[in-house]
Amino acid sequence: MFSLHDITLIVPSIVNNISQKWIYQINDFCKNSISIIISVPPCMDIKKIYDKGFSKEILIINSDKKGQVYQRQFAYKYTKTKLIMHMDDDIF
């Protein structure tokens, strides 16, 4: 049987038009023991992304290349759970 502790949510993003409601929802997932990795393009300032309101419990990483598919695949090597779930940054 699996629990929420067994899930990593991977979100490839460019973080430009993320709403505060979406950030709140992601932070809430994190509070419920879901591991979250947000993969952003290279050269994006991760500190500025956290300053938008993301929990420090969320792992935000710079991928080697820009592109939704590549950023998602790049994040796989940071997962530590049995299950992986994908989510786009424009859905609630």
C-alpha atoms as a PDB file:
ATOM      1  CA  MET A   1       0.000   0.000   0.000  1.00  0.00           C
ATOM      2  CA  PHE A   2       1.246   3.490  -0.794  1.00  0.00           C
ATOM      3  CA  SER A   3       0.839   6.750   1.109  1.00  0.00           C
ATOM      4  CA  LEU A   4       1.400  10.429   0.321  1.00  0.00           C
ATOM      5  CA  HIS A   5       4.988  10.014   1.562  1.00  0.00           C
ATOM      6  CA  ASP A   6       5.597   7.769  -1.460  1.00  0.00           C
ATOM      7  CA  ILE A   7       4.776  10.474  -4.039  1.00  0.00           C
ATOM      8  CA  THR A   8       7.007  13.066  -5.679  1.00  0.00           C
ATOM      9  CA  LEU A   9       5.267  15.754  -7.697  1.00  0.00           C
ATOM     10  CA  ILE A  10       7.431  17.053 -10.561  1.00  0.00           C
ATOM     11  CA  VAL A  11       6.599  20.418 -12.119  1.00  0.00           C
ATOM     12  CA  PRO A  12       8.598  21.752 -15.064  1.00  0.00           C
ATOM     13  CA  SER A  13       8.139  25.512 -15.114  1.00  0.00           C
ATOM     14  CA  ILE A  14       9.389  28.865 -16.325  1.00  0.00           C
ATOM     15  CA  VAL A  15       7.673  30.450 -13.290  1.00  0.00           C
ATOM     16  CA  ASN A  16       6.612  33.606 -15.144  1.00  0.00           C
ATOM     17  CA  ASN A  17       2.843  33.686 -14.718  1.00  0.00           C
ATOM     18  CA  ILE A  18       2.315  31.541 -11.644  1.00  0.00           C
ATOM     19  CA  SER A  19      -0.578  32.746  -9.517  1.00  0.00           C
ATOM     20  CA  GLN A  20      -0.459  33.060  -5.746  1.00  0.00           C
ATOM     21  CA  LYS A  21      -3.342  30.588  -5.610  1.00  0.00           C
ATOM     22  CA  TRP A  22      -1.190  27.986  -7.396  1.00  0.00           C
ATOM     23  CA  ILE A  23       1.749  28.645  -5.040  1.00  0.00           C
ATOM     24  CA  TYR A  24      -0.587  28.261  -2.053  1.00  0.00           C
ATOM     25  CA  GLN A  25      -1.869  24.942  -3.437  1.00  0.00           C
ATOM     26  CA  ILE A  26       1.657  23.595  -4.020  1.00  0.00           C
ATOM     27  CA  ASN A  27       2.723  24.657  -0.523  1.00  0.00           C
ATOM     28  CA  ASP A  28      -0.356  22.873   0.845  1.00  0.00           C
ATOM     29  CA  PHE A  29       0.619  19.672  -0.996  1.00  0.00           C
ATOM     30  CA  CYS A  30       4.033  19.948   0.621  1.00  0.00           C
ATOM     31  CA  LYS A  31       2.459  20.286   4.091  1.00  0.00           C
ATOM     32  CA  ASN A  32       0.615  17.032   3.367  1.00  0.00           C
ATOM     33  CA  SER A  33       3.901  15.118   2.982  1.00  0.00           C
ATOM     34  CA  ILE A  34       4.066  15.109  -0.815  1.00  0.00           C
ATOM     35  CA  SER A  35       7.615  15.708  -2.075  1.00  0.00           C
ATOM     36  CA  ILE A  36       7.695  18.451  -4.687  1.00  0.00           C
ATOM     37  CA  ILE A  37      10.371  19.264  -7.252  1.00  0.00           C
ATOM     38  CA  ILE A  38      10.031  22.313  -9.480  1.00  0.00           C
ATOM     39  CA  SER A  39      12.461  22.187 -12.379  1.00  0.00           C
ATOM     40  CA  VAL A  40      13.273  25.533 -13.989  1.00  0.00           C
ATOM     41  CA  PRO A  41      15.493  26.459 -16.948  1.00  0.00           C
ATOM     42  CA  PRO A  42      19.191  27.134 -16.425  1.00  0.00           C
ATOM     43  CA  CYS A  43      20.231  30.596 -15.304  1.00  0.00           C
ATOM     44  CA  MET A  44      16.962  31.326 -13.478  1.00  0.00           C
ATOM     45  CA  ASP A  45      17.584  32.764 -10.015  1.00  0.00           C
ATOM     46  CA  ILE A  46      16.239  30.176  -7.587  1.00  0.00           C
ATOM     47  CA  LYS A  47      16.267  32.619  -4.652  1.00  0.00           C
ATOM     48  CA  LYS A  48      13.927  34.945  -6.578  1.00  0.00           C
ATOM     49  CA  ILE A  49      11.624  32.004  -7.247  1.00  0.00           C
ATOM     50  CA  TYR A  50      11.457  31.122  -3.531  1.00  0.00           C
ATOM     51  CA  ASP A  51      10.753  34.813  -2.837  1.00  0.00           C
ATOM     52  CA  LYS A  52       7.462  34.415  -4.721  1.00  0.00           C
ATOM     53  CA  GLY A  53       6.206  32.493  -1.672  1.00  0.00           C
ATOM     54  CA  PHE A  54       7.262  28.882  -2.178  1.00  0.00           C
ATOM     55  CA  SER A  55       7.907  26.786   0.905  1.00  0.00           C
ATOM     56  CA  LYS A  56      11.583  26.014   1.589  1.00  0.00           C
ATOM     57  CA  GLU A  57      10.457  22.363   1.779  1.00  0.00           C
ATOM     58  CA  ILE A  58       9.943  22.431  -1.999  1.00  0.00           C
ATOM     59  CA  LEU A  59      13.025  21.562  -4.020  1.00  0.00           C
ATOM     60  CA  ILE A  60      13.550  24.029  -6.867  1.00  0.00           C
ATOM     61  CA  ILE A  61      16.313  23.043  -9.284  1.00  0.00           C
ATOM     62  CA  ASN A  62      17.898  24.450 -12.421  1.00  0.00           C
ATOM     63  CA  SER A  63      17.851  21.928 -15.256  1.00  0.00           C
ATOM     64  CA  ASP A  64      20.676  21.787 -17.776  1.00  0.00           C
ATOM     65  CA  LYS A  65      18.419  22.836 -20.659  1.00  0.00           C
ATOM     66  CA  LYS A  66      15.176  24.731 -21.187  1.00  0.00           C
ATOM     67  CA  GLY A  67      12.120  22.760 -22.286  1.00  0.00           C
ATOM     68  CA  GLN A  68       9.202  21.169 -20.513  1.00  0.00           C
ATOM     69  CA  VAL A  69      10.065  17.569 -21.367  1.00  0.00           C
ATOM     70  CA  TYR A  70      13.761  17.937 -20.599  1.00  0.00           C
ATOM     71  CA  GLN A  71      13.109  19.777 -17.313  1.00  0.00           C
ATOM     72  CA  ARG A  72      10.740  17.001 -16.249  1.00  0.00           C
ATOM     73  CA  GLN A  73      13.235  14.269 -17.118  1.00  0.00           C
ATOM     74  CA  PHE A  74      16.059  16.173 -15.426  1.00  0.00           C
ATOM     75  CA  ALA A  75      14.086  16.222 -12.167  1.00  0.00           C
ATOM     76  CA  TYR A  76      13.807  12.418 -12.092  1.00  0.00           C
ATOM     77  CA  LYS A  77      17.317  12.067 -10.715  1.00  0.00           C
ATOM     78  CA  TYR A  78      16.284  14.086  -7.639  1.00  0.00           C
ATOM     79  CA  THR A  79      13.351  11.874  -6.707  1.00  0.00           C
ATOM     80  CA  LYS A  80      13.568   9.586  -3.704  1.00  0.00           C
ATOM     81  CA  THR A  81      10.068   8.114  -3.702  1.00  0.00           C
ATOM     82  CA  LYS A  82       8.448   5.092  -5.302  1.00  0.00           C
ATOM     83  CA  LEU A  83       5.832   7.084  -7.218  1.00  0.00           C
ATOM     84  CA  ILE A  84       6.165  10.120  -9.488  1.00  0.00           C
ATOM     85  CA  MET A  85       3.327  12.406 -10.527  1.00  0.00           C
ATOM     86  CA  HIS A  86       3.594  15.161 -13.152  1.00  0.00           C
ATOM     87  CA  MET A  87       1.819  18.490 -12.977  1.00  0.00           C
ATOM     88  CA  ASP A  88       1.915  21.610 -15.133  1.00  0.00           C
ATOM     89  CA  ASP A  89       2.217  25.023 -13.516  1.00  0.00           C
ATOM     90  CA  ASP A  90      -0.998  26.350 -15.037  1.00  0.00           C
ATOM     91  CA  ILE A  91      -3.550  24.009 -13.443  1.00  0.00           C
ATOM     92  CA  PHE A  92      -5.212  23.925 -10.019  1.00  0.00           C
END
